[in-house]
Amino acid sequence: MAELVPFAVPTESDKTLLVWELSSGPTAEALHHSLFTVFSQFGLLYSVRVFPNAAVAGPGFYAVIKFYSAKDAHRAQKACDQKQLFQKSPVKVRLGTRHKVVQHQALPLNSSRCQELANYYFGFNGWSKRILEVGYFSWKQYGQGEEEYLSDFSFEEEEFRLPELD
């Protein structure tokens, strides 16, 4: 089944992983790099955040990783839980959970994040931030000559030409 990935900041708990039992040896920056390298193999990441453990938990770190896709987060959790990813001891990986039902207003992504998301899922890096040409077209239902908005349509090819290069 296909998953709809909106151009919005991911806030759903099924797109968030909690990773703990990270060793205290490396720095937070080194752990961030290692976590990004491992988890980005499963899909596009929105964020990787590394935090020191609370004093009562002992030395070490934990991380919160957000994916754009819930499917990618599920695959990563299953593949990485209780594994020695980049350290000698295994890490624990769980999907985020919320105990209270909280309605979040979807926050739109900034333009660079939109471009990153589109490039990842559409598979190319050919976006432009400017409008080259605007053309209008209409379509008509075949055989009846009436304008129709949800039926088969045709358009004139010249309306979508790219500007000629000198």
N, C-alpha and C. Protein backbone atom coordinates (compact mmCIF):
# COMPACT_ATOMS: atom_id res chain seq x y z
N MET A 1 0.84 -1.17 0.00
CA MET A 1 0.00 0.00 0.00
C MET A 1 0.90 1.25 0.00
N ALA A 2 0.55 2.21 -0.80
CA ALA A 2 1.33 3.44 -0.90
C ALA A 2 1.09 4.32 0.32
N GLU A 3 2.10 5.08 0.66
CA GLU A 3 2.00 5.99 1.80
C GLU A 3 2.06 7.42 1.29
N LEU A 4 1.19 8.24 1.80
CA LEU A 4 1.19 9.66 1.47
C LEU A 4 2.18 10.36 2.39
N VAL A 5 3.15 11.03 1.79
CA VAL A 5 4.15 11.76 2.57
C VAL A 5 3.91 13.25 2.31
N PRO A 6 3.32 13.95 3.28
CA PRO A 6 3.00 15.37 3.06
C PRO A 6 4.24 16.26 3.16
N PHE A 7 4.16 17.40 2.51
CA PHE A 7 5.23 18.39 2.60
C PHE A 7 4.99 19.21 3.87
N ALA A 8 5.14 18.55 5.02
CA ALA A 8 4.92 19.18 6.32
C ALA A 8 5.91 18.58 7.31
N VAL A 9 6.16 19.31 8.38
CA VAL A 9 7.05 18.83 9.43
C VAL A 9 6.42 17.58 10.04
N PRO A 10 7.16 16.45 10.08
CA PRO A 10 6.58 15.23 10.65
C PRO A 10 6.43 15.34 12.16
N THR A 11 5.21 15.15 12.63
CA THR A 11 4.93 15.23 14.06
C THR A 11 4.33 13.94 14.61
N GLU A 12 3.94 13.03 13.75
CA GLU A 12 3.29 11.80 14.17
C GLU A 12 4.28 10.89 14.90
N SER A 13 3.79 10.21 15.92
CA SER A 13 4.66 9.34 16.71
C SER A 13 5.15 8.14 15.92
N ASP A 14 4.41 7.70 14.90
CA ASP A 14 4.87 6.54 14.13
C ASP A 14 5.98 6.89 13.13
N LYS A 15 6.39 8.15 13.10
CA LYS A 15 7.51 8.58 12.27
C LYS A 15 8.73 8.92 13.13
N THR A 16 8.62 8.71 14.44
CA THR A 16 9.66 9.08 15.38
C THR A 16 10.23 7.84 16.06
N LEU A 17 11.55 7.75 16.08
CA LEU A 17 12.23 6.66 16.78
C LEU A 17 12.98 7.21 17.98
N LEU A 18 12.94 6.46 19.07
CA LEU A 18 13.75 6.75 20.24
C LEU A 18 14.85 5.69 20.28
N VAL A 19 16.08 6.14 20.34
CA VAL A 19 17.24 5.24 20.36
C VAL A 19 17.98 5.50 21.67
N TRP A 20 18.18 4.47 22.47
CA TRP A 20 18.90 4.67 23.71
C TRP A 20 19.91 3.56 23.94
N GLU A 21 20.64 3.70 25.06
CA GLU A 21 21.80 2.88 25.39
C GLU A 21 22.94 3.15 24.40
N LEU A 22 23.06 4.42 24.03
CA LEU A 22 24.20 4.85 23.22
C LEU A 22 25.37 5.08 24.17
N SER A 23 26.55 4.62 23.79
CA SER A 23 27.71 4.67 24.69
C SER A 23 28.16 6.11 24.95
N SER A 24 28.87 6.27 26.06
CA SER A 24 29.34 7.60 26.46
C SER A 24 30.71 7.91 25.87
N GLY A 25 31.33 6.97 25.19
CA GLY A 25 32.67 7.17 24.64
C GLY A 25 32.75 8.28 23.60
N PRO A 26 32.01 8.17 22.51
CA PRO A 26 32.10 9.22 21.48
C PRO A 26 31.37 10.50 21.89
N THR A 27 31.68 11.57 21.19
CA THR A 27 30.99 12.85 21.44
C THR A 27 29.58 12.79 20.85
N ALA A 28 28.75 13.74 21.26
CA ALA A 28 27.39 13.84 20.72
C ALA A 28 27.43 14.06 19.21
N GLU A 29 28.40 14.85 18.74
CA GLU A 29 28.53 15.12 17.30
C GLU A 29 28.89 13.84 16.54
N ALA A 30 29.79 13.03 17.09
CA ALA A 30 30.17 11.78 16.45
C ALA A 30 28.99 10.80 16.42
N LEU A 31 28.23 10.75 17.51
CA LEU A 31 27.04 9.90 17.55
C LEU A 31 26.00 10.37 16.54
N HIS A 32 25.82 11.68 16.43
CA HIS A 32 24.89 12.23 15.45
C HIS A 32 25.26 11.75 14.06
N HIS A 33 26.52 11.85 13.71
CA HIS A 33 26.99 11.42 12.38
C HIS A 33 26.75 9.92 12.18
N SER A 34 27.09 9.11 13.18
CA SER A 34 26.89 7.65 13.07
C SER A 34 25.43 7.29 12.94
N LEU A 35 24.58 7.92 13.74
CA LEU A 35 23.14 7.64 13.66
C LEU A 35 22.58 8.07 12.32
N PHE A 36 22.96 9.22 11.84
CA PHE A 36 22.49 9.69 10.54
C PHE A 36 22.90 8.71 9.45
N THR A 37 24.14 8.25 9.48
CA THR A 37 24.65 7.31 8.48
C THR A 37 23.85 6.00 8.49
N VAL A 38 23.59 5.46 9.67
CA VAL A 38 22.87 4.18 9.77
C VAL A 38 21.40 4.34 9.38
N PHE A 39 20.71 5.31 9.96
CA PHE A 39 19.26 5.40 9.78
C PHE A 39 18.85 6.00 8.44
N SER A 40 19.71 6.77 7.81
CA SER A 40 19.36 7.31 6.49
C SER A 40 19.35 6.23 5.42
N GLN A 41 19.88 5.06 5.72
CA GLN A 41 19.79 3.93 4.78
C GLN A 41 18.35 3.44 4.62
N PHE A 42 17.48 3.78 5.56
CA PHE A 42 16.10 3.30 5.54
C PHE A 42 15.13 4.31 4.92
N GLY A 43 15.57 5.54 4.77
CA GLY A 43 14.70 6.56 4.19
C GLY A 43 15.19 7.94 4.56
N LEU A 44 14.53 8.93 4.00
CA LEU A 44 14.91 10.32 4.23
C LEU A 44 14.58 10.73 5.67
N LEU A 45 15.56 11.32 6.34
CA LEU A 45 15.39 11.75 7.72
C LEU A 45 15.05 13.23 7.78
N TYR A 46 14.13 13.57 8.67
CA TYR A 46 13.85 14.97 8.93
C TYR A 46 14.85 15.52 9.94
N SER A 47 15.10 14.74 11.00
CA SER A 47 16.06 15.21 12.01
C SER A 47 16.64 14.06 12.80
N VAL A 48 17.84 14.30 13.32
CA VAL A 48 18.51 13.41 14.26
C VAL A 48 18.98 14.31 15.40
N ARG A 49 18.49 14.03 16.60
CA ARG A 49 18.86 14.84 17.76
C ARG A 49 19.42 13.93 18.84
N VAL A 50 20.59 14.28 19.36
CA VAL A 50 21.29 13.48 20.38
C VAL A 50 21.31 14.27 21.68
N PHE A 51 20.98 13.59 22.79
CA PHE A 51 20.91 14.22 24.10
C PHE A 51 21.70 13.39 25.11
N PRO A 52 22.31 14.04 26.11
CA PRO A 52 22.95 13.27 27.18
C PRO A 52 21.88 12.66 28.09
N ASN A 53 22.21 11.48 28.63
CA ASN A 53 21.29 10.85 29.58
C ASN A 53 21.13 11.71 30.82
N ALA A 54 20.01 11.55 31.49
CA ALA A 54 19.82 12.20 32.79
C ALA A 54 20.84 11.61 33.77
N ALA A 55 21.20 12.37 34.79
CA ALA A 55 22.21 11.93 35.75
C ALA A 55 21.86 10.60 36.41
N VAL A 56 20.59 10.36 36.68
CA VAL A 56 20.18 9.12 37.34
C VAL A 56 20.30 7.90 36.42
N ALA A 57 20.36 8.12 35.11
CA ALA A 57 20.43 7.01 34.16
C ALA A 57 21.86 6.56 33.89
N GLY A 58 22.83 7.30 34.35
CA GLY A 58 24.22 6.92 34.11
C GLY A 58 24.75 7.60 32.86
N PRO A 59 26.05 7.43 32.60
CA PRO A 59 26.65 8.10 31.45
C PRO A 59 26.13 7.51 30.14
N GLY A 60 26.15 8.34 29.13
CA GLY A 60 25.71 7.89 27.81
C GLY A 60 24.76 8.90 27.19
N PHE A 61 24.16 8.46 26.09
CA PHE A 61 23.29 9.35 25.32
C PHE A 61 22.05 8.59 24.85
N TYR A 62 21.07 9.37 24.44
CA TYR A 62 19.92 8.83 23.72
C TYR A 62 19.65 9.76 22.55
N ALA A 63 18.85 9.29 21.59
CA ALA A 63 18.59 10.10 20.40
C ALA A 63 17.13 10.00 20.01
N VAL A 64 16.66 11.06 19.36
CA VAL A 64 15.32 11.09 18.78
C VAL A 64 15.52 11.31 17.28
N ILE A 65 15.00 10.38 16.49
CA ILE A 65 15.17 10.41 15.03
C ILE A 65 13.79 10.51 14.39
N LYS A 66 13.62 11.50 13.51
CA LYS A 66 12.33 11.68 12.83
C LYS A 66 12.49 11.40 11.34
N PHE A 67 11.61 10.56 10.84
CA PHE A 67 11.52 10.23 9.42
C PHE A 67 10.35 11.00 8.82
N TYR A 68 10.38 11.18 7.51
CA TYR A 68 9.22 11.72 6.80
C TYR A 68 8.17 10.63 6.62
N SER A 69 8.61 9.38 6.54
CA SER A 69 7.74 8.25 6.23
C SER A 69 7.61 7.31 7.42
N ALA A 70 6.38 6.95 7.78
CA ALA A 70 6.14 5.98 8.85
C ALA A 70 6.65 4.60 8.46
N LYS A 71 6.51 4.22 7.18
CA LYS A 71 7.01 2.92 6.73
C LYS A 71 8.52 2.81 6.93
N ASP A 72 9.24 3.88 6.60
CA ASP A 72 10.69 3.88 6.76
C ASP A 72 11.06 3.76 8.24
N ALA A 73 10.34 4.46 9.10
CA ALA A 73 10.61 4.40 10.53
C ALA A 73 10.38 2.99 11.07
N HIS A 74 9.31 2.33 10.62
CA HIS A 74 9.02 0.95 11.06
C HIS A 74 10.12 -0.01 10.61
N ARG A 75 10.54 0.13 9.36
CA ARG A 75 11.62 -0.74 8.85
C ARG A 75 12.91 -0.53 9.63
N ALA A 76 13.24 0.71 9.92
CA ALA A 76 14.45 1.02 10.66
C ALA A 76 14.39 0.45 12.08
N GLN A 77 13.24 0.58 12.71
CA GLN A 77 13.09 0.07 14.07
C GLN A 77 13.28 -1.44 14.11
N LYS A 78 12.66 -2.14 13.19
CA LYS A 78 12.77 -3.61 13.17
C LYS A 78 14.20 -4.05 12.87
N ALA A 79 14.87 -3.36 11.98
CA ALA A 79 16.22 -3.77 11.56
C ALA A 79 17.29 -3.40 12.58
N CYS A 80 17.09 -2.36 13.36
CA CYS A 80 18.16 -1.84 14.22
C CYS A 80 18.02 -2.15 15.70
N ASP A 81 16.83 -2.54 16.15
CA ASP A 81 16.63 -2.79 17.58
C ASP A 81 17.49 -3.97 18.03
N GLN A 82 18.17 -3.78 19.16
CA GLN A 82 19.03 -4.80 19.78
C GLN A 82 20.22 -5.20 18.88
N LYS A 83 20.68 -4.27 18.05
CA LYS A 83 21.83 -4.53 17.17
C LYS A 83 23.01 -3.66 17.58
N GLN A 84 24.20 -4.15 17.29
CA GLN A 84 25.42 -3.36 17.51
C GLN A 84 25.66 -2.57 16.23
N LEU A 85 25.08 -1.43 16.14
CA LEU A 85 25.13 -0.66 14.91
C LEU A 85 26.51 -0.08 14.63
N PHE A 86 27.05 0.64 15.56
CA PHE A 86 28.35 1.28 15.38
C PHE A 86 29.13 1.31 16.70
N GLN A 87 28.65 0.55 17.67
CA GLN A 87 29.30 0.47 18.97
C GLN A 87 29.34 -0.99 19.41
N LYS A 88 30.05 -1.27 20.49
CA LYS A 88 30.24 -2.66 20.92
C LYS A 88 29.00 -3.26 21.56
N SER A 89 28.16 -2.43 22.16
CA SER A 89 26.95 -2.94 22.80
C SER A 89 25.72 -2.62 21.94
N PRO A 90 24.69 -3.45 22.04
CA PRO A 90 23.48 -3.20 21.23
C PRO A 90 22.71 -1.97 21.73
N VAL A 91 22.01 -1.35 20.81
CA VAL A 91 21.17 -0.20 21.15
C VAL A 91 19.71 -0.65 21.16
N LYS A 92 18.88 0.10 21.84
CA LYS A 92 17.44 -0.16 21.84
C LYS A 92 16.79 0.90 20.95
N VAL A 93 15.89 0.46 20.11
CA VAL A 93 15.19 1.36 19.19
C VAL A 93 13.70 1.08 19.29
N ARG A 94 12.93 2.11 19.60
CA ARG A 94 11.48 1.98 19.71
C ARG A 94 10.80 3.09 18.95
N LEU A 95 9.61 2.78 18.44
CA LEU A 95 8.78 3.82 17.84
C LEU A 95 8.24 4.72 18.93
N GLY A 96 8.08 5.98 18.61
CA GLY A 96 7.55 6.93 19.57
C GLY A 96 6.11 6.60 19.90
N THR A 97 5.70 6.96 21.10
CA THR A 97 4.31 6.78 21.51
C THR A 97 3.85 8.06 22.20
N ARG A 98 2.61 8.34 22.05
CA ARG A 98 1.99 9.48 22.75
C ARG A 98 0.87 8.92 23.59
N HIS A 99 0.84 9.31 24.84
CA HIS A 99 -0.22 8.85 25.73
C HIS A 99 -1.45 9.73 25.65
N LYS A 100 -1.26 11.00 25.30
CA LYS A 100 -2.38 11.91 25.16
C LYS A 100 -2.61 12.15 23.67
N VAL A 101 -3.86 12.28 23.31
CA VAL A 101 -4.17 12.62 21.93
C VAL A 101 -4.02 14.14 21.80
N VAL A 102 -3.02 14.53 21.04
CA VAL A 102 -2.73 15.94 20.86
C VAL A 102 -2.89 16.27 19.39
N GLN A 103 -3.69 17.25 19.09
CA GLN A 103 -3.86 17.69 17.71
C GLN A 103 -2.81 18.74 17.41
N HIS A 104 -2.00 18.46 16.41
CA HIS A 104 -0.99 19.41 15.98
C HIS A 104 -1.41 19.99 14.65
N GLN A 105 -1.24 21.28 14.52
CA GLN A 105 -1.45 21.89 13.22
C GLN A 105 -0.23 21.56 12.38
N ALA A 106 -0.46 21.09 11.18
CA ALA A 106 0.65 20.73 10.31
C ALA A 106 1.44 21.98 9.95
N LEU A 107 2.74 21.94 10.27
CA LEU A 107 3.61 23.05 9.93
C LEU A 107 4.23 22.79 8.57
N PRO A 108 4.16 23.73 7.66
CA PRO A 108 4.74 23.51 6.34
C PRO A 108 6.26 23.47 6.41
N LEU A 109 6.86 22.73 5.51
CA LEU A 109 8.31 22.68 5.41
C LEU A 109 8.83 23.95 4.76
N ASN A 110 10.05 24.33 5.08
CA ASN A 110 10.64 25.46 4.37
C ASN A 110 11.04 25.00 2.96
N SER A 111 11.38 25.91 2.10
CA SER A 111 11.59 25.58 0.68
C SER A 111 12.73 24.60 0.47
N SER A 112 13.81 24.71 1.24
CA SER A 112 14.92 23.78 1.03
C SER A 112 14.54 22.36 1.46
N ARG A 113 13.72 22.24 2.51
CA ARG A 113 13.26 20.91 2.93
C ARG A 113 12.27 20.32 1.91
N CYS A 114 11.43 21.18 1.33
CA CYS A 114 10.52 20.71 0.27
C CYS A 114 11.30 20.19 -0.92
N GLN A 115 12.33 20.92 -1.29
CA GLN A 115 13.16 20.51 -2.42
C GLN A 115 13.88 19.20 -2.10
N GLU A 116 14.39 19.05 -0.88
CA GLU A 116 15.06 17.82 -0.47
C GLU A 116 14.10 16.63 -0.52
N LEU A 117 12.89 16.83 -0.03
CA LEU A 117 11.88 15.77 -0.02
C LEU A 117 11.48 15.38 -1.44
N ALA A 118 11.23 16.36 -2.28
CA ALA A 118 10.87 16.08 -3.67
C ALA A 118 12.00 15.39 -4.41
N ASN A 119 13.21 15.83 -4.22
CA ASN A 119 14.35 15.20 -4.87
C ASN A 119 14.49 13.74 -4.45
N TYR A 120 14.29 13.46 -3.17
CA TYR A 120 14.42 12.10 -2.67
C TYR A 120 13.36 11.16 -3.28
N TYR A 121 12.10 11.58 -3.24
CA TYR A 121 11.04 10.70 -3.70
C TYR A 121 10.84 10.70 -5.20
N PHE A 122 11.15 11.80 -5.89
CA PHE A 122 10.99 11.84 -7.34
C PHE A 122 12.27 11.44 -8.05
N GLY A 123 13.38 11.38 -7.33
CA GLY A 123 14.61 10.84 -7.87
C GLY A 123 15.40 11.73 -8.80
N PHE A 124 15.30 13.02 -8.68
CA PHE A 124 16.13 13.88 -9.50
C PHE A 124 16.38 15.20 -8.79
N ASN A 125 17.28 15.97 -9.34
CA ASN A 125 17.64 17.24 -8.72
C ASN A 125 17.53 18.34 -9.76
N GLY A 126 16.35 18.49 -10.35
CA GLY A 126 16.17 19.45 -11.42
C GLY A 126 15.14 20.50 -11.12
N TRP A 127 15.06 20.97 -9.90
CA TRP A 127 14.03 21.93 -9.54
C TRP A 127 14.52 23.35 -9.76
N SER A 128 13.58 24.20 -10.06
CA SER A 128 13.87 25.62 -10.22
C SER A 128 12.99 26.39 -9.26
N LYS A 129 13.50 27.48 -8.74
CA LYS A 129 12.72 28.28 -7.80
C LYS A 129 12.07 29.46 -8.50
N ARG A 130 12.14 29.53 -9.81
CA ARG A 130 11.52 30.64 -10.51
C ARG A 130 10.57 30.12 -11.57
N ILE A 131 9.60 30.91 -11.90
CA ILE A 131 8.62 30.53 -12.91
C ILE A 131 9.19 30.93 -14.27
N LEU A 132 9.27 29.96 -15.17
CA LEU A 132 9.83 30.23 -16.48
C LEU A 132 8.79 30.77 -17.44
N GLU A 133 7.60 30.16 -17.45
CA GLU A 133 6.55 30.58 -18.36
C GLU A 133 5.22 30.09 -17.82
N VAL A 134 4.23 30.91 -17.91
CA VAL A 134 2.90 30.53 -17.48
C VAL A 134 2.02 30.49 -18.71
N GLY A 135 1.34 29.39 -18.89
CA GLY A 135 0.43 29.28 -20.02
C GLY A 135 -0.90 28.76 -19.55
N TYR A 136 -1.96 29.14 -20.23
CA TYR A 136 -3.29 28.68 -19.87
C TYR A 136 -3.77 27.69 -20.92
N PHE A 137 -4.51 26.72 -20.49
CA PHE A 137 -5.09 25.78 -21.43
C PHE A 137 -6.46 25.36 -20.92
N SER A 138 -7.24 24.90 -21.82
CA SER A 138 -8.54 24.34 -21.45
C SER A 138 -8.64 22.98 -22.11
N TRP A 139 -9.52 22.18 -21.63
CA TRP A 139 -9.72 20.88 -22.24
C TRP A 139 -11.20 20.66 -22.46
N LYS A 140 -11.46 19.81 -23.42
CA LYS A 140 -12.86 19.52 -23.75
C LYS A 140 -13.05 18.01 -23.76
N GLN A 141 -14.24 17.61 -23.39
CA GLN A 141 -14.56 16.20 -23.38
C GLN A 141 -14.67 15.73 -24.83
N TYR A 142 -14.02 14.63 -25.13
CA TYR A 142 -14.01 14.12 -26.51
C TYR A 142 -15.42 13.78 -26.97
N GLY A 143 -15.76 14.19 -28.17
CA GLY A 143 -17.02 13.81 -28.81
C GLY A 143 -18.21 14.67 -28.44
N GLN A 144 -18.13 15.45 -27.37
CA GLN A 144 -19.28 16.23 -26.96
C GLN A 144 -19.05 17.73 -27.09
N GLY A 145 -17.79 18.16 -27.15
CA GLY A 145 -17.49 19.56 -27.32
C GLY A 145 -17.77 20.42 -26.10
N GLU A 146 -18.10 19.82 -24.96
CA GLU A 146 -18.37 20.58 -23.76
C GLU A 146 -17.10 20.65 -22.91
N GLU A 147 -16.93 21.76 -22.22
CA GLU A 147 -15.79 21.84 -21.32
C GLU A 147 -16.05 20.93 -20.13
N GLU A 148 -15.02 20.18 -19.77
CA GLU A 148 -15.13 19.21 -18.69
C GLU A 148 -13.84 19.26 -17.89
N TYR A 149 -13.96 19.23 -16.59
CA TYR A 149 -12.77 19.37 -15.75
C TYR A 149 -12.23 18.04 -15.25
N LEU A 150 -13.01 17.00 -15.24
CA LEU A 150 -12.55 15.74 -14.67
C LEU A 150 -12.56 14.59 -15.68
N SER A 151 -12.52 14.88 -16.95
CA SER A 151 -12.53 13.82 -17.94
C SER A 151 -11.23 13.84 -18.72
N ASP A 152 -11.15 13.04 -19.77
CA ASP A 152 -9.97 13.04 -20.62
C ASP A 152 -9.75 14.44 -21.14
N PHE A 153 -8.50 14.80 -21.32
CA PHE A 153 -8.25 16.14 -21.83
C PHE A 153 -7.07 16.13 -22.77
N SER A 154 -7.01 17.17 -23.56
CA SER A 154 -5.87 17.39 -24.43
C SER A 154 -5.46 18.84 -24.27
N PHE A 155 -4.22 19.11 -24.57
CA PHE A 155 -3.77 20.49 -24.49
C PHE A 155 -2.78 20.73 -25.62
N GLU A 156 -2.60 21.98 -25.91
CA GLU A 156 -1.68 22.32 -26.97
C GLU A 156 -0.27 22.25 -26.45
N GLU A 157 0.58 21.56 -27.18
CA GLU A 157 1.94 21.32 -26.73
C GLU A 157 2.73 22.62 -26.59
N GLU A 158 2.45 23.61 -27.43
CA GLU A 158 3.23 24.84 -27.40
C GLU A 158 3.04 25.62 -26.09
N GLU A 159 1.98 25.34 -25.34
CA GLU A 159 1.76 26.04 -24.08
C GLU A 159 2.82 25.69 -23.05
N PHE A 160 3.50 24.55 -23.18
CA PHE A 160 4.45 24.09 -22.17
C PHE A 160 5.88 24.06 -22.70
N ARG A 161 6.18 24.84 -23.70
CA ARG A 161 7.54 24.88 -24.25
C ARG A 161 8.50 25.49 -23.24
N LEU A 162 9.72 25.03 -23.29
CA LEU A 162 10.78 25.67 -22.54
C LEU A 162 11.31 26.83 -23.35
N PRO A 163 11.81 27.86 -22.72
CA PRO A 163 12.35 28.97 -23.49
C PRO A 163 13.56 28.51 -24.30
N GLU A 164 13.72 29.06 -25.47
CA GLU A 164 14.84 28.67 -26.33
C GLU A 164 16.11 29.29 -25.81
N LEU A 165 17.19 28.50 -25.87
CA LEU A 165 18.48 28.95 -25.40
C LEU A 165 19.21 29.64 -26.54
N ASP A 166 19.95 30.69 -26.22
CA ASP A 166 20.73 31.41 -27.24
C ASP A 166 22.03 30.70 -27.52
